[in-house]
Amino acid sequence: METLLATKAKLEAAGIDVLGPTDHTIFKSIYFFDPNGHRIELAADTGTPQMYEKLDAVKREMLDEWSRTKRAPKHAAWMHDGSMAAKA
């Protein structure tokens, strides 16, 4: 996170608009546009071993569900409902 925040500060000092950091539970990221107009995302890992074990246990089921439904699987809803945030 220290490097991500330092990079954000450097980009902003150069006059580049930066969005974030955005909290994605297992990582945080910043977003900005390069000189050609491409959106760039830089991320820092913030997940805990417990979070990764939980994801690892359902990864196949998540992929199978996505393949069938093309909808976001609910296996990792904890990443979005805040229930793991206090443990991060």
N, C-alpha and C. Protein backbone atom coordinates (compact mmCIF):
# COMPACT_ATOMS: atom_id res chain seq x y z
N MET A 1 0.82 -1.19 0.00
CA MET A 1 0.00 0.00 0.00
C MET A 1 0.86 1.25 0.00
N GLU A 2 1.97 1.18 0.69
CA GLU A 2 2.86 2.34 0.75
C GLU A 2 3.31 2.75 -0.65
N THR A 3 3.70 1.77 -1.46
CA THR A 3 4.14 2.05 -2.83
C THR A 3 2.99 2.57 -3.68
N LEU A 4 1.81 1.99 -3.51
CA LEU A 4 0.64 2.43 -4.28
C LEU A 4 0.31 3.89 -3.95
N LEU A 5 0.31 4.23 -2.69
CA LEU A 5 0.00 5.60 -2.29
C LEU A 5 1.08 6.58 -2.74
N ALA A 6 2.34 6.15 -2.71
CA ALA A 6 3.43 7.01 -3.18
C ALA A 6 3.31 7.23 -4.69
N THR A 7 2.91 6.20 -5.41
CA THR A 7 2.72 6.31 -6.85
C THR A 7 1.58 7.26 -7.16
N LYS A 8 0.50 7.15 -6.41
CA LYS A 8 -0.63 8.07 -6.58
C LYS A 8 -0.18 9.51 -6.38
N ALA A 9 0.56 9.75 -5.32
CA ALA A 9 1.04 11.11 -5.03
C ALA A 9 1.93 11.63 -6.16
N LYS A 10 2.79 10.77 -6.67
CA LYS A 10 3.68 11.17 -7.77
C LYS A 10 2.89 11.51 -9.04
N LEU A 11 1.88 10.68 -9.35
CA LEU A 11 1.05 10.94 -10.52
C LEU A 11 0.29 12.26 -10.36
N GLU A 12 -0.28 12.46 -9.19
CA GLU A 12 -1.04 13.69 -8.95
C GLU A 12 -0.12 14.92 -9.00
N ALA A 13 1.10 14.78 -8.50
CA ALA A 13 2.06 15.88 -8.56
C ALA A 13 2.42 16.24 -10.00
N ALA A 14 2.30 15.25 -10.89
CA ALA A 14 2.57 15.48 -12.31
C ALA A 14 1.32 15.97 -13.05
N GLY A 15 0.24 16.22 -12.30
CA GLY A 15 -0.98 16.75 -12.91
C GLY A 15 -1.93 15.71 -13.47
N ILE A 16 -1.73 14.46 -13.09
CA ILE A 16 -2.58 13.38 -13.59
C ILE A 16 -3.69 13.12 -12.58
N ASP A 17 -4.93 13.10 -13.06
CA ASP A 17 -6.07 12.77 -12.19
C ASP A 17 -6.02 11.28 -11.85
N VAL A 18 -6.17 10.96 -10.58
CA VAL A 18 -6.13 9.58 -10.12
C VAL A 18 -7.37 9.30 -9.29
N LEU A 19 -8.02 8.20 -9.59
CA LEU A 19 -9.16 7.74 -8.82
C LEU A 19 -8.70 6.66 -7.86
N GLY A 20 -9.12 6.76 -6.61
CA GLY A 20 -8.77 5.72 -5.64
C GLY A 20 -7.86 6.25 -4.56
N PRO A 21 -7.46 5.35 -3.70
CA PRO A 21 -7.56 3.90 -3.84
C PRO A 21 -9.00 3.39 -3.61
N THR A 22 -9.34 2.41 -4.42
CA THR A 22 -10.62 1.72 -4.34
C THR A 22 -10.39 0.40 -3.63
N ASP A 23 -11.22 0.12 -2.63
CA ASP A 23 -11.07 -1.10 -1.83
C ASP A 23 -11.85 -2.24 -2.47
N HIS A 24 -11.14 -3.28 -2.91
CA HIS A 24 -11.74 -4.47 -3.51
C HIS A 24 -11.63 -5.67 -2.55
N THR A 25 -11.51 -5.41 -1.29
CA THR A 25 -11.41 -6.38 -0.20
C THR A 25 -10.08 -7.12 -0.18
N ILE A 26 -9.71 -7.81 -1.26
CA ILE A 26 -8.44 -8.53 -1.26
C ILE A 26 -7.31 -7.74 -1.92
N PHE A 27 -7.67 -6.59 -2.48
CA PHE A 27 -6.66 -5.67 -3.00
C PHE A 27 -7.26 -4.28 -3.08
N LYS A 28 -6.38 -3.28 -3.14
CA LYS A 28 -6.80 -1.90 -3.34
C LYS A 28 -6.12 -1.41 -4.60
N SER A 29 -6.83 -0.55 -5.34
CA SER A 29 -6.25 -0.11 -6.61
C SER A 29 -6.52 1.36 -6.87
N ILE A 30 -5.67 1.92 -7.73
CA ILE A 30 -5.86 3.28 -8.23
C ILE A 30 -6.02 3.18 -9.74
N TYR A 31 -6.69 4.20 -10.30
CA TYR A 31 -6.96 4.23 -11.74
C TYR A 31 -6.59 5.60 -12.29
N PHE A 32 -6.04 5.59 -13.48
CA PHE A 32 -5.71 6.83 -14.17
C PHE A 32 -5.59 6.52 -15.66
N PHE A 33 -5.53 7.57 -16.48
CA PHE A 33 -5.40 7.40 -17.92
C PHE A 33 -3.97 7.70 -18.36
N ASP A 34 -3.45 6.85 -19.27
CA ASP A 34 -2.12 7.11 -19.82
C ASP A 34 -2.25 8.18 -20.91
N PRO A 35 -1.14 8.66 -21.47
CA PRO A 35 -1.21 9.72 -22.48
C PRO A 35 -2.01 9.34 -23.73
N ASN A 36 -2.18 8.06 -24.00
CA ASN A 36 -2.96 7.62 -25.15
C ASN A 36 -4.43 7.40 -24.83
N GLY A 37 -4.82 7.69 -23.60
CA GLY A 37 -6.22 7.56 -23.22
C GLY A 37 -6.61 6.19 -22.70
N HIS A 38 -5.64 5.31 -22.49
CA HIS A 38 -5.94 3.99 -21.93
C HIS A 38 -6.04 4.08 -20.42
N ARG A 39 -7.09 3.49 -19.87
CA ARG A 39 -7.23 3.47 -18.40
C ARG A 39 -6.25 2.44 -17.83
N ILE A 40 -5.51 2.85 -16.83
CA ILE A 40 -4.52 2.00 -16.18
C ILE A 40 -4.98 1.75 -14.74
N GLU A 41 -4.80 0.51 -14.29
CA GLU A 41 -5.08 0.17 -12.90
C GLU A 41 -3.79 -0.36 -12.28
N LEU A 42 -3.44 0.19 -11.14
CA LEU A 42 -2.33 -0.32 -10.34
C LEU A 42 -2.94 -0.82 -9.04
N ALA A 43 -2.50 -1.98 -8.58
CA ALA A 43 -3.12 -2.60 -7.40
C ALA A 43 -2.09 -3.05 -6.38
N ALA A 44 -2.55 -3.08 -5.13
CA ALA A 44 -1.74 -3.59 -4.01
C ALA A 44 -2.54 -4.68 -3.31
N ASP A 45 -1.91 -5.80 -3.10
CA ASP A 45 -2.53 -6.93 -2.42
C ASP A 45 -2.77 -6.58 -0.96
N THR A 46 -4.01 -6.77 -0.49
CA THR A 46 -4.33 -6.49 0.92
C THR A 46 -5.07 -7.65 1.57
N GLY A 47 -5.23 -8.76 0.85
CA GLY A 47 -5.95 -9.91 1.39
C GLY A 47 -5.18 -10.62 2.47
N THR A 48 -5.92 -11.35 3.28
CA THR A 48 -5.31 -12.15 4.35
C THR A 48 -5.24 -13.61 3.90
N PRO A 49 -4.41 -14.40 4.53
CA PRO A 49 -4.37 -15.83 4.19
C PRO A 49 -5.75 -16.48 4.31
N GLN A 50 -6.52 -16.07 5.30
CA GLN A 50 -7.87 -16.62 5.48
C GLN A 50 -8.76 -16.29 4.26
N MET A 51 -8.66 -15.09 3.76
CA MET A 51 -9.45 -14.70 2.59
C MET A 51 -9.08 -15.55 1.38
N TYR A 52 -7.78 -15.74 1.15
CA TYR A 52 -7.34 -16.51 0.00
C TYR A 52 -7.71 -17.99 0.12
N GLU A 53 -7.67 -18.52 1.34
CA GLU A 53 -8.11 -19.91 1.54
C GLU A 53 -9.59 -20.04 1.21
N LYS A 54 -10.38 -19.07 1.63
CA LYS A 54 -11.82 -19.09 1.37
C LYS A 54 -12.10 -19.04 -0.13
N LEU A 55 -11.39 -18.21 -0.85
CA LEU A 55 -11.54 -18.13 -2.31
C LEU A 55 -11.06 -19.40 -2.99
N ASP A 56 -9.94 -19.93 -2.52
CA ASP A 56 -9.39 -21.14 -3.12
C ASP A 56 -10.36 -22.31 -3.01
N ALA A 57 -11.10 -22.36 -1.91
CA ALA A 57 -12.03 -23.47 -1.69
C ALA A 57 -13.20 -23.47 -2.66
N VAL A 58 -13.52 -22.31 -3.27
CA VAL A 58 -14.69 -22.24 -4.16
C VAL A 58 -14.35 -21.83 -5.59
N LYS A 59 -13.09 -21.76 -5.92
CA LYS A 59 -12.71 -21.25 -7.23
C LYS A 59 -13.29 -22.05 -8.39
N ARG A 60 -13.28 -23.36 -8.31
CA ARG A 60 -13.83 -24.19 -9.40
C ARG A 60 -15.33 -23.99 -9.55
N GLU A 61 -16.03 -23.97 -8.41
CA GLU A 61 -17.48 -23.77 -8.45
C GLU A 61 -17.83 -22.41 -9.03
N MET A 62 -17.03 -21.40 -8.69
CA MET A 62 -17.26 -20.06 -9.22
C MET A 62 -17.09 -20.03 -10.73
N LEU A 63 -16.03 -20.66 -11.23
CA LEU A 63 -15.81 -20.71 -12.67
C LEU A 63 -16.91 -21.47 -13.39
N ASP A 64 -17.32 -22.59 -12.81
CA ASP A 64 -18.40 -23.38 -13.41
C ASP A 64 -19.70 -22.57 -13.47
N GLU A 65 -20.03 -21.89 -12.38
CA GLU A 65 -21.25 -21.08 -12.36
C GLU A 65 -21.17 -19.96 -13.39
N TRP A 66 -20.03 -19.29 -13.46
CA TRP A 66 -19.87 -18.22 -14.45
C TRP A 66 -20.03 -18.77 -15.87
N SER A 67 -19.46 -19.91 -16.14
CA SER A 67 -19.55 -20.51 -17.47
C SER A 67 -20.99 -20.82 -17.85
N ARG A 68 -21.77 -21.26 -16.89
CA ARG A 68 -23.18 -21.60 -17.14
C ARG A 68 -24.07 -20.38 -17.25
N THR A 69 -23.89 -19.42 -16.36
CA THR A 69 -24.86 -18.32 -16.22
C THR A 69 -24.39 -16.98 -16.76
N LYS A 70 -23.09 -16.80 -16.89
CA LYS A 70 -22.49 -15.50 -17.25
C LYS A 70 -22.87 -14.40 -16.26
N ARG A 71 -23.14 -14.81 -15.03
CA ARG A 71 -23.45 -13.87 -13.95
C ARG A 71 -22.42 -14.04 -12.83
N ALA A 72 -22.25 -12.98 -12.08
CA ALA A 72 -21.28 -13.02 -10.98
C ALA A 72 -21.69 -14.09 -9.97
N PRO A 73 -20.80 -15.04 -9.69
CA PRO A 73 -21.11 -16.07 -8.71
C PRO A 73 -21.27 -15.48 -7.31
N LYS A 74 -22.07 -16.12 -6.50
CA LYS A 74 -22.32 -15.64 -5.14
C LYS A 74 -21.39 -16.28 -4.11
N HIS A 75 -20.51 -17.16 -4.55
CA HIS A 75 -19.61 -17.87 -3.64
C HIS A 75 -18.71 -16.94 -2.83
N ALA A 76 -18.41 -15.78 -3.37
CA ALA A 76 -17.51 -14.84 -2.69
C ALA A 76 -18.24 -13.54 -2.35
N ALA A 77 -19.52 -13.63 -2.09
CA ALA A 77 -20.30 -12.44 -1.74
C ALA A 77 -19.71 -11.72 -0.53
N TRP A 78 -19.02 -12.46 0.34
CA TRP A 78 -18.38 -11.87 1.51
C TRP A 78 -17.38 -10.78 1.13
N MET A 79 -16.86 -10.84 -0.09
CA MET A 79 -15.91 -9.82 -0.52
C MET A 79 -16.59 -8.48 -0.72
N HIS A 80 -17.90 -8.49 -0.94
CA HIS A 80 -18.62 -7.26 -1.25
C HIS A 80 -19.57 -6.82 -0.15
N ASP A 81 -19.86 -7.69 0.80
CA ASP A 81 -20.83 -7.33 1.84
C ASP A 81 -20.16 -6.79 3.11
N GLY A 82 -18.84 -6.76 3.13
CA GLY A 82 -18.13 -6.21 4.27
C GLY A 82 -17.91 -7.16 5.43
N SER A 83 -18.37 -8.38 5.33
CA SER A 83 -18.28 -9.30 6.46
C SER A 83 -16.83 -9.69 6.79
N MET A 84 -15.93 -9.59 5.85
CA MET A 84 -14.52 -9.92 6.10
C MET A 84 -13.68 -8.65 6.34
N ALA A 85 -14.26 -7.49 6.16
CA ALA A 85 -13.49 -6.24 6.25
C ALA A 85 -12.80 -6.08 7.60
N ALA A 86 -13.46 -6.43 8.66
CA ALA A 86 -12.87 -6.26 9.98
C ALA A 86 -11.66 -7.16 10.21
N LYS A 87 -11.57 -8.24 9.44
CA LYS A 87 -10.46 -9.19 9.59
C LYS A 87 -9.29 -8.85 8.68
N ALA A 88 -9.49 -7.91 7.78
CA ALA A 88 -8.45 -7.56 6.81
C ALA A 88 -7.36 -6.73 7.45
